[in-house]
Protein backbone atom coordinates (compact mmCIF):
# COMPACT_ATOMS: atom_id res chain seq x y z
CA UNK A 1 -0.30 6.84 -3.41
CA UNK A 2 2.67 8.68 -1.95
CA UNK A 3 3.65 5.64 0.10
CA UNK A 4 3.47 3.38 -2.97
CA UNK A 5 5.39 5.72 -5.20
CA UNK A 6 9.07 5.25 -5.95
CA UNK A 7 11.48 6.78 -3.46
CA UNK A 8 11.79 9.74 -5.84
CA UNK A 9 8.18 10.55 -5.01
CA UNK A 10 4.86 11.21 -6.68
CA UNK A 11 4.38 14.24 -8.89
CA UNK A 12 1.97 16.70 -7.30
CA UNK A 13 0.14 17.11 -10.60
CA UNK A 14 -0.43 13.37 -10.80
CA UNK A 15 -1.79 13.21 -7.25
CA UNK A 16 -4.08 16.20 -7.82
CA UNK A 17 -5.42 14.80 -11.10
CA UNK A 18 -6.00 11.39 -9.54
CA UNK A 19 -7.83 12.61 -6.44
CA UNK A 20 -9.70 15.56 -7.91
CA UNK A 21 -10.34 14.48 -11.48
CA UNK A 22 -13.58 16.45 -11.82
CA UNK A 23 -12.10 19.76 -10.65
CA UNK A 24 -10.16 22.30 -12.67
CA UNK A 25 -6.39 21.93 -12.26
CA UNK A 26 -6.01 24.95 -9.95
CA UNK A 27 -8.79 23.73 -7.67
CA UNK A 28 -7.42 20.18 -7.71
CA UNK A 29 -3.99 21.41 -6.57
CA UNK A 30 -5.61 23.52 -3.83
CA UNK A 31 -7.64 20.51 -2.67
CA UNK A 32 -4.49 18.38 -2.57
CA UNK A 33 -2.58 20.98 -0.54
CA UNK A 34 -5.47 21.25 1.92
CA UNK A 35 -5.70 17.47 2.26
CA UNK A 36 -1.97 17.12 2.88
CA UNK A 37 -2.09 19.96 5.37
CA UNK A 38 -4.98 18.29 7.20
CA UNK A 39 -3.09 15.00 7.38
CA UNK A 40 0.05 16.74 8.60
CA UNK A 41 -1.81 18.63 11.31
CA UNK A 42 -3.33 15.42 12.65
CA UNK A 43 0.06 13.87 13.39
CA UNK A 44 3.00 15.18 15.38
CA UNK A 45 5.83 14.75 12.88
CA UNK A 46 5.75 15.85 9.24
CA UNK A 47 5.96 12.71 7.11
CA UNK A 48 5.77 14.17 3.62
CA UNK A 49 8.37 16.31 1.98
CA UNK A 50 8.20 18.33 -1.19
CA UNK A 51 11.11 17.46 -3.42
CA UNK A 52 11.15 19.55 -6.59
CA UNK A 53 7.43 19.21 -7.24
CA UNK A 54 7.28 15.62 -6.04
CA UNK A 55 5.58 14.44 -2.86
CA UNK A 56 7.87 12.10 -0.96
CA UNK A 57 7.19 10.08 2.15
CA UNK A 58 9.97 10.39 4.71
CA UNK A 59 10.77 6.69 4.99
CA UNK A 60 12.95 7.29 8.04
CA UNK A 61 9.79 8.21 9.95
CA UNK A 62 7.27 5.81 8.48
CA UNK A 63 7.40 2.02 8.39
CA UNK A 64 5.48 0.46 5.52
CA UNK A 65 4.20 -3.09 5.72
CA UNK A 66 4.37 -3.15 1.91
CA UNK A 67 8.16 -3.13 2.14
CA UNK A 68 7.93 -6.64 3.60
CA UNK A 69 6.92 -7.86 0.15
CA UNK A 70 10.42 -7.01 -1.08
CA UNK A 71 12.29 -8.25 1.97
CA UNK A 72 14.85 -10.98 1.25
CA UNK A 73 13.39 -13.16 3.98
CA UNK A 74 9.97 -12.98 5.53
CA UNK A 75 8.90 -14.70 8.70
CA UNK A 76 6.04 -16.93 7.52
CA UNK A 77 4.01 -16.34 10.69
CA UNK A 78 4.30 -12.56 10.22
CA UNK A 79 3.26 -12.91 6.58
CA UNK A 80 0.12 -14.68 7.62
CA UNK A 81 -0.90 -11.95 10.05
CA UNK A 82 0.46 -8.76 8.40
CA UNK A 83 -1.30 -9.19 5.08
CA UNK A 84 -4.70 -10.20 6.38
CA UNK A 85 -6.85 -8.07 4.09
CA UNK A 86 -6.81 -6.54 0.64
CA UNK A 87 -4.66 -3.45 0.11
CA UNK A 88 -6.36 -0.37 1.63
CA UNK A 89 -9.38 -2.51 2.46
CA UNK A 90 -12.53 -0.46 2.89
CA UNK A 91 -11.11 2.66 1.22
CA UNK A 92 -13.08 4.15 -1.62
CA UNK A 93 -12.74 7.59 -3.15
CA UNK A 94 -15.29 8.39 -5.82
CA UNK A 95 -12.75 9.42 -8.45
CA UNK A 96 -12.36 7.04 -11.41
CA UNK A 97 -8.57 7.55 -11.80
CA UNK A 98 -8.03 6.75 -8.12
CA UNK A 99 -10.35 3.73 -8.20
CA UNK A 100 -8.45 2.40 -11.26
CA UNK A 101 -5.10 2.91 -9.51
CA UNK A 102 -6.42 1.24 -6.35
CA UNK A 103 -7.83 -1.76 -8.22
CA UNK A 104 -4.52 -2.30 -10.02
CA UNK A 105 -2.54 -2.04 -6.77
CA UNK A 106 -4.89 -4.44 -5.00
CA UNK A 107 -4.37 -7.04 -7.73
CA UNK A 108 -0.60 -6.56 -7.73
CA UNK A 109 -0.18 -6.73 -3.96
CA UNK A 110 -2.70 -9.54 -3.58
CA UNK A 111 -0.76 -11.63 -6.08
CA UNK A 112 2.52 -10.96 -4.26
CA UNK A 113 1.00 -11.93 -0.92
CA UNK A 114 -0.64 -15.00 -2.45
CA UNK A 115 2.75 -16.12 -3.83
CA UNK A 116 4.48 -15.59 -0.48
CA UNK A 117 1.76 -17.49 1.38
CA UNK A 118 1.83 -20.30 -1.18
CA UNK A 119 5.61 -20.62 -0.80
CA UNK A 120 5.24 -20.48 2.98
CA UNK A 121 2.68 -23.27 2.91
CA UNK A 122 4.77 -25.39 0.56
CA UNK A 123 7.87 -25.11 2.73
CA UNK A 124 5.85 -25.76 5.88
CA UNK A 125 4.21 -28.82 4.39
CA UNK A 126 7.55 -30.21 3.21
CA UNK A 127 8.98 -29.80 6.71
CA UNK A 128 5.96 -31.44 8.33
CA UNK A 129 4.58 -28.23 9.90
CA UNK A 130 0.96 -28.81 8.95
CA UNK A 131 -0.29 -26.07 11.31
CA UNK A 132 1.67 -23.40 9.43
CA UNK A 133 0.77 -24.89 6.04
CA UNK A 134 -2.93 -24.81 6.90
CA UNK A 135 -2.66 -21.26 8.27
CA UNK A 136 -1.04 -20.10 5.01
CA UNK A 137 -3.70 -21.88 2.92
CA UNK A 138 -6.50 -20.44 5.07
CA UNK A 139 -5.09 -16.94 4.70
CA UNK A 140 -4.93 -17.34 0.92
CA UNK A 141 -8.59 -18.37 0.93
CA UNK A 142 -9.46 -15.30 2.99
CA UNK A 143 -7.61 -13.04 0.57
CA UNK A 144 -9.25 -14.65 -2.44
């Protein structure tokens, strides 16, 4: 959620309520702090910053494949391999607010990837590159 949030970050209260919906607010915030601390201790460089109550991902340290969706030009072959599965495939957290957020993000990102792959296939077909056109179509079928 932090990675998908605007560059201004994700409010800590929002994250706590989304991940720990069944806990009282104080416990939810404690759980969130412990989770973030656990993540931070498992990697060498701190990647999250606290910015006035918002959780912000240090984008100078972390590359996000999602940013490719907004890139002005995308290498069609990279598109086919980078986005090979649904967003956060296999992740499930038994909290209804998180599951709702995840489902909405999966639909949004899937549609963006589908559009990119469709455009890739169309351009490839027009230029006679049937291999790339078929690869794009196959990937869209996989994602569907």
